[in-house]
N, C-alpha and C. Protein backbone atom coordinates (compact mmCIF):
# COMPACT_ATOMS: atom_id res chain seq x y z
N UNK A 1 156.71 106.16 -5.14
CA UNK A 1 157.36 107.13 -5.96
C UNK A 1 157.29 108.40 -5.10
N UNK A 2 158.55 109.34 -4.90
CA UNK A 2 158.64 110.12 -3.96
C UNK A 2 158.69 111.53 -5.14
N UNK A 3 158.35 112.30 -4.63
CA UNK A 3 157.89 113.84 -5.18
C UNK A 3 159.33 114.32 -6.24
N UNK A 4 160.03 114.27 -6.28
CA UNK A 4 161.25 113.79 -6.54
C UNK A 4 161.35 112.97 -8.01
N UNK A 5 160.79 112.02 -7.74
CA UNK A 5 161.04 111.21 -9.29
C UNK A 5 159.11 111.95 -9.89
N UNK A 6 158.47 111.68 -9.33
CA UNK A 6 157.28 112.38 -10.23
C UNK A 6 158.15 113.57 -10.96
N UNK A 7 158.45 114.36 -9.84
CA UNK A 7 158.76 115.95 -11.07
C UNK A 7 159.92 115.43 -11.96
N UNK A 8 160.28 114.69 -11.98
CA UNK A 8 161.70 114.31 -13.16
C UNK A 8 160.72 113.50 -14.32
N UNK A 9 160.01 112.96 -14.05
CA UNK A 9 159.30 112.15 -14.70
C UNK A 9 158.76 113.46 -15.65
N UNK A 10 157.59 113.85 -15.23
CA UNK A 10 157.12 115.06 -15.28
C UNK A 10 157.87 116.10 -16.88
N UNK A 11 159.04 116.12 -16.28
CA UNK A 11 159.86 117.00 -17.25
C UNK A 11 160.55 116.35 -18.59
N UNK A 12 160.92 115.29 -17.79
CA UNK A 12 161.17 114.51 -19.14
C UNK A 12 160.29 114.21 -20.23
N UNK A 13 159.47 113.91 -19.65
CA UNK A 13 158.00 113.64 -20.71
C UNK A 13 157.78 115.04 -21.16
N UNK A 14 157.64 116.28 -21.07
CA UNK A 14 157.60 116.97 -21.39
C UNK A 14 158.76 117.70 -23.23
N UNK A 15 159.74 116.27 -22.45
CA UNK A 15 161.12 116.56 -23.47
C UNK A 15 160.88 115.63 -24.27
N UNK A 16 160.79 114.33 -24.44
CA UNK A 16 160.49 113.28 -25.40
C UNK A 16 159.81 113.83 -25.99
N UNK A 17 159.76 112.81 -27.22
CA UNK A 17 158.58 112.78 -27.87
C UNK A 17 157.92 110.95 -27.43
N UNK A 18 157.13 110.97 -27.95
CA UNK A 18 156.15 109.85 -27.13
C UNK A 18 156.69 108.18 -27.13
N UNK A 19 157.44 107.72 -28.22
CA UNK A 19 158.67 106.66 -28.64
C UNK A 19 159.58 106.77 -27.77
N UNK A 20 160.29 108.22 -27.52
CA UNK A 20 161.23 108.14 -26.66
C UNK A 20 160.68 107.86 -25.36
N UNK A 21 160.03 108.50 -24.83
CA UNK A 21 159.61 108.61 -23.80
C UNK A 21 159.46 107.06 -23.21
N UNK A 22 158.53 106.48 -23.93
CA UNK A 22 157.95 104.92 -23.84
C UNK A 22 159.24 104.48 -23.32
N UNK A 23 160.12 104.73 -23.91
CA UNK A 23 162.04 103.98 -24.10
C UNK A 23 162.11 104.06 -23.05
N UNK A 24 162.48 105.56 -22.40
CA UNK A 24 162.68 105.68 -20.70
C UNK A 24 162.19 105.33 -19.66
N UNK A 25 160.92 105.17 -20.09
CA UNK A 25 160.29 104.69 -18.97
C UNK A 25 160.92 103.41 -19.09
N UNK A 26 160.53 102.48 -19.67
CA UNK A 26 161.05 100.91 -19.89
C UNK A 26 162.52 100.96 -19.48
N UNK A 27 163.63 101.47 -19.85
CA UNK A 27 164.84 101.70 -18.99
C UNK A 27 165.03 101.70 -17.58
N UNK A 28 163.76 102.87 -17.44
CA UNK A 28 164.19 103.17 -15.52
C UNK A 28 163.19 101.64 -14.99
N UNK A 29 162.58 101.05 -15.11
CA UNK A 29 162.11 99.74 -15.09
C UNK A 29 162.69 99.15 -14.99
N UNK A 30 163.82 98.36 -15.86
CA UNK A 30 164.44 98.18 -16.56
C UNK A 30 165.64 97.79 -15.30
N UNK A 31 166.03 99.38 -15.22
CA UNK A 31 167.13 99.26 -13.94
C UNK A 31 167.01 98.69 -12.49
N UNK A 32 165.46 99.69 -12.34
CA UNK A 32 165.55 99.47 -10.79
C UNK A 32 164.82 97.99 -10.89
N UNK A 33 164.61 96.69 -11.48
CA UNK A 33 165.21 95.52 -12.00
C UNK A 33 166.19 94.83 -11.23
N UNK A 34 167.58 95.15 -11.57
CA UNK A 34 168.52 95.21 -12.27
C UNK A 34 169.25 95.05 -10.71
N UNK A 35 168.52 96.55 -10.20
CA UNK A 35 169.14 97.02 -8.75
C UNK A 35 168.85 95.98 -8.00
N UNK A 36 167.10 95.88 -7.58
CA UNK A 36 167.48 94.68 -6.72
C UNK A 36 168.03 93.30 -6.73
N UNK A 37 168.34 92.65 -8.32
CA UNK A 37 168.51 91.41 -8.39
C UNK A 37 170.11 91.50 -8.09
N UNK A 38 170.94 93.06 -8.20
CA UNK A 38 172.31 92.91 -8.28
C UNK A 38 172.48 93.66 -6.58
N UNK A 39 171.65 94.27 -5.97
CA UNK A 39 172.14 94.92 -4.58
C UNK A 39 172.64 95.96 -4.70
N UNK A 40 171.84 97.22 -5.79
CA UNK A 40 172.43 98.51 -5.63
C UNK A 40 170.97 99.19 -5.54
N UNK A 41 171.01 100.94 -5.25
CA UNK A 41 170.48 101.66 -5.21
C UNK A 41 169.38 102.03 -6.12
N UNK A 42 167.93 101.49 -5.63
CA UNK A 42 166.62 101.18 -6.26
C UNK A 42 166.02 102.28 -7.28
N UNK A 43 166.25 103.34 -6.66
CA UNK A 43 165.94 105.08 -6.36
C UNK A 43 167.20 105.90 -7.25
N UNK A 44 168.50 105.10 -7.39
CA UNK A 44 169.12 105.77 -7.84
C UNK A 44 169.63 105.10 -9.86
N UNK A 45 169.16 104.18 -9.57
CA UNK A 45 168.89 103.36 -10.76
C UNK A 45 167.70 103.79 -11.87
N UNK A 46 166.51 103.96 -11.25
CA UNK A 46 165.72 104.36 -11.59
C UNK A 46 165.36 105.85 -12.02
N UNK A 47 166.20 106.72 -11.46
CA UNK A 47 166.59 107.82 -11.71
C UNK A 47 167.38 108.08 -13.01
N UNK A 48 168.45 106.80 -12.83
CA UNK A 48 169.18 107.54 -13.80
C UNK A 48 168.91 106.53 -15.05
N UNK A 49 167.78 106.13 -15.21
CA UNK A 49 167.32 105.15 -16.29
C UNK A 49 166.01 106.32 -16.69
N UNK A 50 165.64 106.96 -16.07
CA UNK A 50 164.38 108.20 -16.22
C UNK A 50 165.23 109.24 -17.64
N UNK A 51 167.05 109.49 -16.51
CA UNK A 51 167.30 110.69 -17.76
C UNK A 51 168.05 110.55 -18.51
N UNK A 52 169.20 108.66 -18.36
CA UNK A 52 169.74 108.88 -19.20
C UNK A 52 169.13 109.25 -20.77
N UNK A 53 167.99 110.04 -21.64
CA UNK A 53 167.87 109.81 -22.68
C UNK A 53 167.33 110.82 -22.40
N UNK A 54 167.81 112.46 -21.71
CA UNK A 54 166.70 113.43 -21.00
C UNK A 54 167.26 114.49 -22.53
N UNK A 55 168.20 114.12 -23.59
CA UNK A 55 168.47 114.92 -24.36
C UNK A 55 169.12 114.23 -25.50
N UNK A 56 168.57 113.25 -25.75
CA UNK A 56 168.02 112.55 -27.33
C UNK A 56 167.04 113.12 -28.04
N UNK A 57 166.04 114.07 -27.92
CA UNK A 57 165.61 114.86 -28.80
C UNK A 57 165.72 115.78 -29.25
N UNK A 58 167.10 116.44 -28.26
CA UNK A 58 167.65 117.79 -28.78
C UNK A 58 168.47 118.12 -29.99
N UNK A 59 168.09 118.39 -30.96
CA UNK A 59 168.74 118.19 -32.72
C UNK A 59 170.25 118.68 -32.02
N UNK A 60 170.46 118.10 -33.26
CA UNK A 60 172.66 117.83 -32.89
C UNK A 60 172.94 118.51 -33.15
N UNK A 61 172.81 120.24 -33.96
CA UNK A 61 173.11 121.33 -33.37
C UNK A 61 173.45 122.01 -32.48
N UNK A 62 172.23 121.60 -31.59
CA UNK A 62 171.87 121.87 -30.38
C UNK A 62 172.94 121.35 -29.29
N UNK A 63 172.60 119.93 -29.98
CA UNK A 63 174.18 119.42 -29.14
C UNK A 63 175.38 120.05 -28.95
N UNK A 64 175.77 119.69 -30.01
CA UNK A 64 177.08 120.88 -30.54
C UNK A 64 177.37 122.23 -29.88
N UNK A 65 176.36 123.01 -29.49
CA UNK A 65 176.30 124.12 -29.15
C UNK A 65 176.46 123.76 -27.95
N UNK A 66 176.09 123.21 -27.02
CA UNK A 66 175.88 122.75 -25.90
C UNK A 66 177.23 122.14 -25.46
N UNK A 67 177.81 121.97 -25.65
CA UNK A 67 179.01 121.31 -25.65
C UNK A 67 180.25 122.25 -26.10
N UNK A 68 179.65 122.88 -27.25
CA UNK A 68 180.63 123.85 -27.09
C UNK A 68 180.17 125.04 -26.22
N UNK A 69 180.16 125.88 -25.74
CA UNK A 69 179.09 126.70 -24.53
C UNK A 69 179.64 126.04 -23.02
N UNK A 70 179.51 125.04 -22.82
CA UNK A 70 179.83 124.53 -21.61
C UNK A 70 181.25 123.56 -21.79
N UNK A 71 181.77 123.49 -22.32
CA UNK A 71 183.17 122.65 -22.25
C UNK A 71 183.45 121.68 -22.33
N UNK A 72 182.37 120.72 -23.08
CA UNK A 72 182.12 119.18 -22.73
C UNK A 72 182.60 118.49 -24.17
N UNK A 73 183.54 117.67 -23.91
CA UNK A 73 184.33 117.40 -24.98
C UNK A 73 183.80 116.91 -26.22
N UNK A 74 184.17 117.07 -26.75
CA UNK A 74 183.86 116.18 -28.33
C UNK A 74 184.75 115.33 -28.91
N UNK A 75 184.57 114.38 -29.13
CA UNK A 75 185.73 113.28 -29.73
C UNK A 75 185.18 113.03 -31.68
N UNK A 76 186.58 113.21 -32.27
CA UNK A 76 186.50 113.21 -33.99
C UNK A 76 184.46 112.62 -34.17
N UNK A 77 184.46 110.71 -33.40
CA UNK A 77 183.70 110.44 -33.69
C UNK A 77 182.06 110.90 -33.30
N UNK A 78 182.32 111.80 -31.91
CA UNK A 78 181.17 112.38 -31.84
C UNK A 78 180.51 114.14 -32.82
N UNK A 79 181.54 114.19 -33.31
CA UNK A 79 181.64 115.31 -34.13
C UNK A 79 181.19 115.06 -35.69
N UNK A 80 181.41 113.46 -35.83
CA UNK A 80 181.03 113.46 -37.14
C UNK A 80 179.65 112.37 -36.89
N UNK A 81 179.19 112.44 -35.92
CA UNK A 81 177.82 112.03 -35.49
C UNK A 81 177.58 112.39 -33.95
N UNK A 82 176.61 113.91 -33.91
CA UNK A 82 176.21 114.25 -33.12
C UNK A 82 175.32 113.39 -32.27
N UNK A 83 174.44 112.51 -32.35
CA UNK A 83 173.26 112.10 -32.11
C UNK A 83 174.03 111.22 -30.85
N UNK A 84 175.80 111.47 -30.87
CA UNK A 84 176.30 110.44 -29.83
C UNK A 84 176.23 111.07 -28.25
N UNK A 85 176.52 112.45 -28.67
CA UNK A 85 176.75 113.26 -27.48
C UNK A 85 175.26 113.66 -26.85
N UNK A 86 173.89 112.85 -26.93
CA UNK A 86 173.19 113.05 -26.01
C UNK A 86 173.62 112.55 -24.33
N UNK A 87 174.71 111.17 -24.43
CA UNK A 87 174.45 111.43 -23.43
C UNK A 87 175.64 111.97 -22.77
N UNK A 88 176.32 112.53 -23.05
CA UNK A 88 177.19 113.69 -22.52
C UNK A 88 176.69 114.57 -21.96
N UNK A 89 175.83 115.39 -23.49
CA UNK A 89 174.82 116.65 -22.77
C UNK A 89 173.78 115.92 -22.04
N UNK A 90 173.34 114.58 -21.53
CA UNK A 90 172.27 114.70 -20.84
C UNK A 90 172.85 114.50 -19.53
N UNK A 91 173.51 113.92 -19.34
CA UNK A 91 174.33 114.30 -17.38
C UNK A 91 174.23 115.33 -17.74
N UNK A 92 174.86 116.78 -18.45
CA UNK A 92 175.35 117.60 -18.21
C UNK A 92 173.75 118.55 -17.92
N UNK A 93 172.91 117.75 -18.48
CA UNK A 93 171.03 118.31 -18.03
C UNK A 93 170.70 117.93 -17.11
N UNK A 94 171.10 116.51 -16.42
CA UNK A 94 170.78 116.37 -15.49
C UNK A 94 170.91 116.87 -14.15
N UNK A 95 172.45 117.07 -14.44
CA UNK A 95 172.67 118.01 -13.14
C UNK A 95 172.19 119.35 -13.12
N UNK A 96 172.78 119.69 -14.47
CA UNK A 96 171.57 121.56 -14.45
C UNK A 96 170.33 121.68 -14.11
N UNK A 97 169.39 121.56 -15.39
CA UNK A 97 168.05 121.00 -15.34
C UNK A 97 167.20 119.98 -14.56
N UNK A 98 167.55 119.52 -13.59
CA UNK A 98 167.40 118.12 -13.43
C UNK A 98 167.65 118.30 -11.88
N UNK A 99 168.71 118.49 -11.42
CA UNK A 99 169.28 119.01 -9.90
C UNK A 99 170.04 117.76 -9.29
N UNK A 100 170.66 116.84 -10.50
CA UNK A 100 170.86 115.80 -9.67
C UNK A 100 172.40 116.01 -9.28
N UNK A 101 172.80 115.59 -8.28
CA UNK A 101 174.43 115.09 -7.82
C UNK A 101 174.91 114.64 -7.98
N UNK A 102 174.08 113.71 -7.46
CA UNK A 102 174.83 111.88 -7.44
C UNK A 102 176.14 111.79 -8.87
N UNK A 103 176.88 111.85 -8.04
CA UNK A 103 178.25 111.17 -9.63
C UNK A 103 177.89 110.22 -9.74
N UNK A 104 177.78 109.44 -9.42
CA UNK A 104 177.57 108.06 -10.34
C UNK A 104 176.58 107.92 -10.94
N UNK A 105 175.09 108.58 -10.47
CA UNK A 105 174.23 108.26 -11.41
C UNK A 105 174.76 109.30 -12.76
N UNK A 106 174.87 110.36 -12.17
CA UNK A 106 175.52 111.51 -13.46
C UNK A 106 176.44 110.57 -14.35
N UNK A 107 177.55 109.94 -13.68
CA UNK A 107 178.46 109.20 -14.97
C UNK A 107 177.70 107.47 -15.17
N UNK A 108 176.57 107.20 -14.93
CA UNK A 108 175.87 105.94 -15.83
C UNK A 108 175.63 106.62 -16.74
N UNK A 109 174.71 108.14 -16.53
CA UNK A 109 174.15 108.65 -17.91
C UNK A 109 174.44 108.92 -19.37
N UNK A 110 176.21 109.26 -18.89
CA UNK A 110 177.22 109.36 -19.47
C UNK A 110 178.33 108.63 -20.30
N UNK A 111 177.81 107.71 -19.33
CA UNK A 111 178.26 106.50 -20.26
C UNK A 111 177.99 105.47 -20.88
N UNK A 112 175.92 105.48 -20.90
CA UNK A 112 175.19 104.69 -21.35
C UNK A 112 175.49 104.61 -22.53
N UNK A 113 175.80 105.09 -23.37
CA UNK A 113 175.91 104.55 -24.88
C UNK A 113 177.11 103.43 -25.06
N UNK A 114 178.65 104.54 -25.01
CA UNK A 114 179.75 103.75 -24.80
C UNK A 114 180.26 102.12 -24.40
N UNK A 115 179.51 102.61 -23.14
CA UNK A 115 180.36 102.21 -21.83
C UNK A 115 181.26 102.88 -21.34
N UNK A 116 182.25 101.80 -20.53
CA UNK A 116 183.43 102.06 -20.44
C UNK A 116 184.32 101.50 -19.37
N UNK A 117 185.87 101.49 -19.30
CA UNK A 117 186.23 100.89 -19.06
C UNK A 117 186.03 100.73 -17.10
N UNK A 118 186.20 99.94 -16.39
CA UNK A 118 186.03 99.94 -15.09
C UNK A 118 184.31 100.29 -14.23
N UNK A 119 183.24 99.98 -15.17
CA UNK A 119 182.36 100.75 -14.94
C UNK A 119 181.68 100.40 -13.64
N UNK A 120 181.02 101.09 -12.91
CA UNK A 120 180.40 100.60 -11.96
C UNK A 120 179.45 100.12 -11.77
N UNK A 121 178.61 99.26 -10.75
CA UNK A 121 178.07 98.84 -11.01
C UNK A 121 176.42 99.44 -11.45
N UNK A 122 176.14 100.72 -11.26
CA UNK A 122 174.91 101.50 -11.42
C UNK A 122 175.70 101.69 -13.20
N UNK A 123 176.46 102.16 -13.72
CA UNK A 123 176.59 102.81 -14.75
C UNK A 123 176.29 101.03 -16.16
N UNK A 124 176.80 99.77 -15.47
CA UNK A 124 176.54 98.54 -15.86
C UNK A 124 175.02 98.74 -16.24
N UNK A 125 174.52 98.56 -14.79
CA UNK A 125 172.90 98.15 -15.14
C UNK A 125 172.32 99.59 -15.77
N UNK A 126 172.89 100.76 -16.04
CA UNK A 126 171.95 101.43 -17.63
C UNK A 126 172.58 101.46 -18.51
N UNK A 127 173.86 100.85 -18.67
CA UNK A 127 174.12 100.60 -20.20
C UNK A 127 173.30 99.07 -20.47
N UNK A 128 173.11 98.08 -19.26
CA UNK A 128 172.34 96.99 -19.99
C UNK A 128 170.99 97.47 -20.67
N UNK A 129 170.43 97.85 -19.19
CA UNK A 129 169.14 98.29 -19.39
C UNK A 129 168.53 99.07 -20.92
N UNK A 130 169.12 100.04 -21.50
CA UNK A 130 169.21 100.49 -22.14
C UNK A 130 169.22 99.76 -23.60
N UNK A 131 169.61 98.83 -23.48
CA UNK A 131 169.86 97.21 -24.15
C UNK A 131 168.58 96.68 -24.77
N UNK A 132 168.33 96.00 -23.14
CA UNK A 132 167.32 94.83 -22.71
C UNK A 132 165.75 95.21 -22.66
N UNK A 133 165.32 96.34 -22.33
CA UNK A 133 164.12 96.64 -21.58
C UNK A 133 163.41 96.44 -22.98
N UNK A 134 161.83 96.63 -22.54
CA UNK A 134 160.95 95.55 -22.70
C UNK A 134 160.35 96.03 -24.33
N UNK A 135 160.54 97.34 -24.91
CA UNK A 135 160.00 98.46 -26.50
C UNK A 135 161.21 97.89 -26.91
N UNK A 136 162.39 96.95 -27.00
CA UNK A 136 163.56 96.79 -27.87
C UNK A 136 163.22 95.58 -27.86
N UNK A 137 163.29 95.11 -29.19
CA UNK A 137 163.00 94.07 -30.02
C UNK A 137 163.82 93.87 -31.70
N UNK A 138 165.15 94.94 -31.82
CA UNK A 138 165.70 94.93 -32.18
C UNK A 138 167.21 93.83 -32.73
N UNK A 139 167.55 93.59 -31.31
CA UNK A 139 169.22 93.23 -31.23
C UNK A 139 168.89 91.35 -31.25
N UNK A 140 170.36 91.04 -31.56
CA UNK A 140 169.76 89.63 -32.65
C UNK A 140 170.39 89.03 -30.55
N UNK A 141 169.43 88.06 -30.82
CA UNK A 141 169.53 87.16 -29.61
C UNK A 141 168.69 87.88 -28.35
N UNK A 142 168.24 88.46 -28.07
CA UNK A 142 167.35 89.38 -27.78
C UNK A 142 167.17 88.41 -25.92
N UNK A 143 166.26 87.72 -26.13
CA UNK A 143 165.48 86.57 -24.71
C UNK A 143 167.08 86.17 -24.41
N UNK A 144 168.13 86.06 -24.95
CA UNK A 144 169.02 85.11 -24.25
C UNK A 144 169.85 87.00 -23.47
N UNK A 145 170.04 87.19 -24.08
CA UNK A 145 170.64 88.60 -24.04
C UNK A 145 170.29 89.04 -22.08
N UNK A 146 168.83 89.12 -22.56
CA UNK A 146 167.59 89.14 -21.51
C UNK A 146 168.04 88.41 -20.23
N UNK A 147 167.81 87.71 -20.59
CA UNK A 147 168.07 86.62 -19.51
C UNK A 147 169.79 86.01 -18.56
N UNK A 148 170.56 86.10 -19.28
CA UNK A 148 171.63 86.41 -18.67
C UNK A 148 172.14 87.96 -18.27
N UNK A 149 170.99 88.83 -18.44
CA UNK A 149 171.58 89.89 -17.37
C UNK A 149 171.33 89.89 -16.27
N UNK A 150 170.22 89.01 -15.48
CA UNK A 150 170.05 88.73 -14.39
C UNK A 150 171.09 87.16 -13.90
N UNK A 151 171.89 87.40 -14.60
CA UNK A 151 172.59 85.74 -13.72
C UNK A 151 174.15 86.49 -13.99
N UNK A 152 174.51 87.27 -15.20
CA UNK A 152 176.39 87.89 -14.81
C UNK A 152 176.42 89.60 -15.74
N UNK A 153 175.89 90.27 -14.89
CA UNK A 153 175.90 91.38 -15.58
C UNK A 153 177.56 91.68 -16.64
N UNK A 154 178.38 91.49 -15.43
CA UNK A 154 179.47 91.22 -16.64
C UNK A 154 179.44 91.05 -17.80
N UNK A 155 178.67 89.41 -18.08
CA UNK A 155 179.46 88.95 -18.96
C UNK A 155 178.02 89.49 -19.81
N UNK A 156 176.96 89.96 -19.62
CA UNK A 156 175.61 91.19 -20.95
C UNK A 156 176.66 91.99 -21.28
N UNK A 157 177.29 93.05 -20.61
CA UNK A 157 177.71 93.75 -20.70
C UNK A 157 178.89 93.85 -21.99
N UNK A 158 179.67 92.84 -22.17
CA UNK A 158 180.83 91.89 -23.09
C UNK A 158 179.77 91.30 -24.20
N UNK A 159 178.70 91.02 -24.01
CA UNK A 159 178.03 90.14 -24.64
C UNK A 159 177.56 91.44 -25.63
N UNK A 160 176.87 92.23 -25.21
CA UNK A 160 176.30 93.76 -25.95
C UNK A 160 177.27 94.52 -26.61
N UNK A 161 178.42 94.77 -26.18
CA UNK A 161 179.60 95.32 -26.71
C UNK A 161 180.18 94.79 -28.13
N UNK A 162 179.67 93.20 -27.52
CA UNK A 162 180.40 92.49 -28.83
C UNK A 162 179.49 92.44 -30.16
N UNK A 163 177.92 92.05 -29.24
CA UNK A 163 176.78 92.58 -30.48
C UNK A 163 176.69 94.04 -31.11
N UNK A 164 176.86 94.83 -30.26
CA UNK A 164 177.32 96.78 -30.92
C UNK A 164 177.95 96.33 -31.52
N UNK A 165 179.44 96.05 -31.38
CA UNK A 165 180.76 96.37 -32.91
C UNK A 165 180.42 95.54 -33.85
N UNK A 166 179.73 94.68 -33.75
CA UNK A 166 179.61 93.79 -35.05
C UNK A 166 178.57 94.27 -36.21
N UNK A 167 177.48 94.89 -35.57
CA UNK A 167 176.67 95.76 -35.47
C UNK A 167 177.38 96.85 -36.81
N UNK A 168 178.18 97.78 -36.14
CA UNK A 168 178.80 99.02 -36.94
C UNK A 168 179.37 98.57 -37.08
N UNK A 169 180.16 97.41 -37.50
CA UNK A 169 181.02 97.10 -39.03
C UNK A 169 180.21 97.17 -39.90
N UNK A 170 179.58 95.75 -39.76
CA UNK A 170 178.22 95.12 -40.57
C UNK A 170 177.47 96.49 -41.42
N UNK A 171 177.36 97.67 -40.74
CA UNK A 171 176.60 98.72 -41.36
C UNK A 171 177.42 99.71 -41.64
N UNK A 172 178.80 99.63 -41.90
CA UNK A 172 180.26 100.38 -42.43
C UNK A 172 180.32 101.63 -41.52
N UNK A 173 179.35 102.00 -40.28
CA UNK A 173 179.42 103.09 -39.47
C UNK A 173 180.58 102.94 -38.43
N UNK A 174 181.26 104.31 -38.36
CA UNK A 174 182.04 104.57 -37.74
C UNK A 174 182.16 104.54 -36.66
N UNK A 175 183.28 103.51 -35.52
CA UNK A 175 182.84 103.04 -34.73
C UNK A 175 183.84 103.84 -33.28
N UNK A 176 182.50 104.23 -32.19
CA UNK A 176 183.25 105.27 -31.04
C UNK A 176 184.56 104.41 -30.66
N UNK A 177 185.31 105.13 -30.60
CA UNK A 177 187.09 104.32 -29.59
C UNK A 177 186.72 104.37 -28.28
N UNK A 178 185.74 104.34 -27.88
CA UNK A 178 185.84 104.44 -26.53
C UNK A 178 184.48 102.90 -26.17
N UNK A 179 183.93 102.71 -27.17
CA UNK A 179 182.95 101.57 -27.27
C UNK A 179 184.17 100.35 -27.53
N UNK A 180 184.73 100.69 -28.38
CA UNK A 180 186.45 99.67 -28.82
C UNK A 180 186.87 99.46 -27.59
N UNK A 181 187.11 100.50 -26.81
CA UNK A 181 188.40 100.38 -25.18
C UNK A 181 187.05 99.66 -24.75
N UNK A 182 185.76 99.73 -24.17
CA UNK A 182 185.35 99.18 -23.13
C UNK A 182 185.31 97.41 -23.25
N UNK A 183 184.96 97.40 -25.00
CA UNK A 183 185.29 95.86 -25.16
C UNK A 183 186.18 94.94 -24.76
N UNK A 184 187.63 95.76 -25.34
CA UNK A 184 188.95 95.43 -24.88
C UNK A 184 188.51 95.44 -23.71
N UNK A 185 188.61 96.18 -22.55
CA UNK A 185 188.69 95.45 -21.31
C UNK A 185 187.76 94.74 -20.86
N UNK A 186 186.67 94.80 -20.71
CA UNK A 186 185.78 93.49 -20.44
C UNK A 186 186.14 92.06 -21.34
N UNK A 187 186.64 91.70 -22.06
CA UNK A 187 186.75 90.53 -23.00
C UNK A 187 188.57 90.30 -22.48
N UNK A 188 189.08 90.63 -22.36
CA UNK A 188 190.54 90.15 -21.50
C UNK A 188 190.40 89.89 -20.16
N UNK A 189 191.22 88.83 -19.65
CA UNK A 189 191.02 87.87 -18.89
C UNK A 189 191.27 88.85 -17.54
N UNK A 190 191.66 89.88 -17.71
CA UNK A 190 191.89 91.08 -16.20
C UNK A 190 190.63 91.51 -15.96
N UNK A 191 190.03 91.56 -17.16
CA UNK A 191 188.78 92.56 -17.10
C UNK A 191 187.70 91.52 -16.68
N UNK A 192 186.61 91.22 -17.35
CA UNK A 192 185.53 89.76 -16.82
C UNK A 192 186.35 89.13 -18.63
N UNK A 193 184.97 88.25 -18.59
CA UNK A 193 184.92 87.29 -19.49
C UNK A 193 183.73 87.45 -20.20
N UNK A 194 184.00 87.60 -21.27
CA UNK A 194 182.94 87.33 -22.80
C UNK A 194 181.89 86.01 -22.80
């Protein structure tokens, strides 16, 4: 492991609580495994996994303030549920605090919660890894989703989005429009299959 990754791990560990740090390591590990499977850059996947939740433990008021101060757009849904901003703020911090310059890594961090239409392979890897990492155990049909992730990543993205939308509807929670747009994109014949 190179010095850059060691330094990122050290900094991230100081920023996150114990449970979130364990999740982060699980996502980095899973992302690197998916990168090997699909021929993506393993180091980029590991770094994006390490940093995907780097803003998760920042208080919501502080996330909103960072967005205001640095011109990071906030949707109505994010304004009502600022915890969703951890992805956007995380991408900002990955660049400013952790020195990440790779646009695909930053975009993978930014889109890991809602996804986005036309994701790159790295974006899909982080989106999926966040859902299936070894410390997760609450999602429906998780063993099947984990298996599918190593067979067809596009289909897995669609399954995760469908399960997420169903979960939010059941809970009566507001759905971020990007999650719905992403599901619509991947469930259409011109996108991929669900």
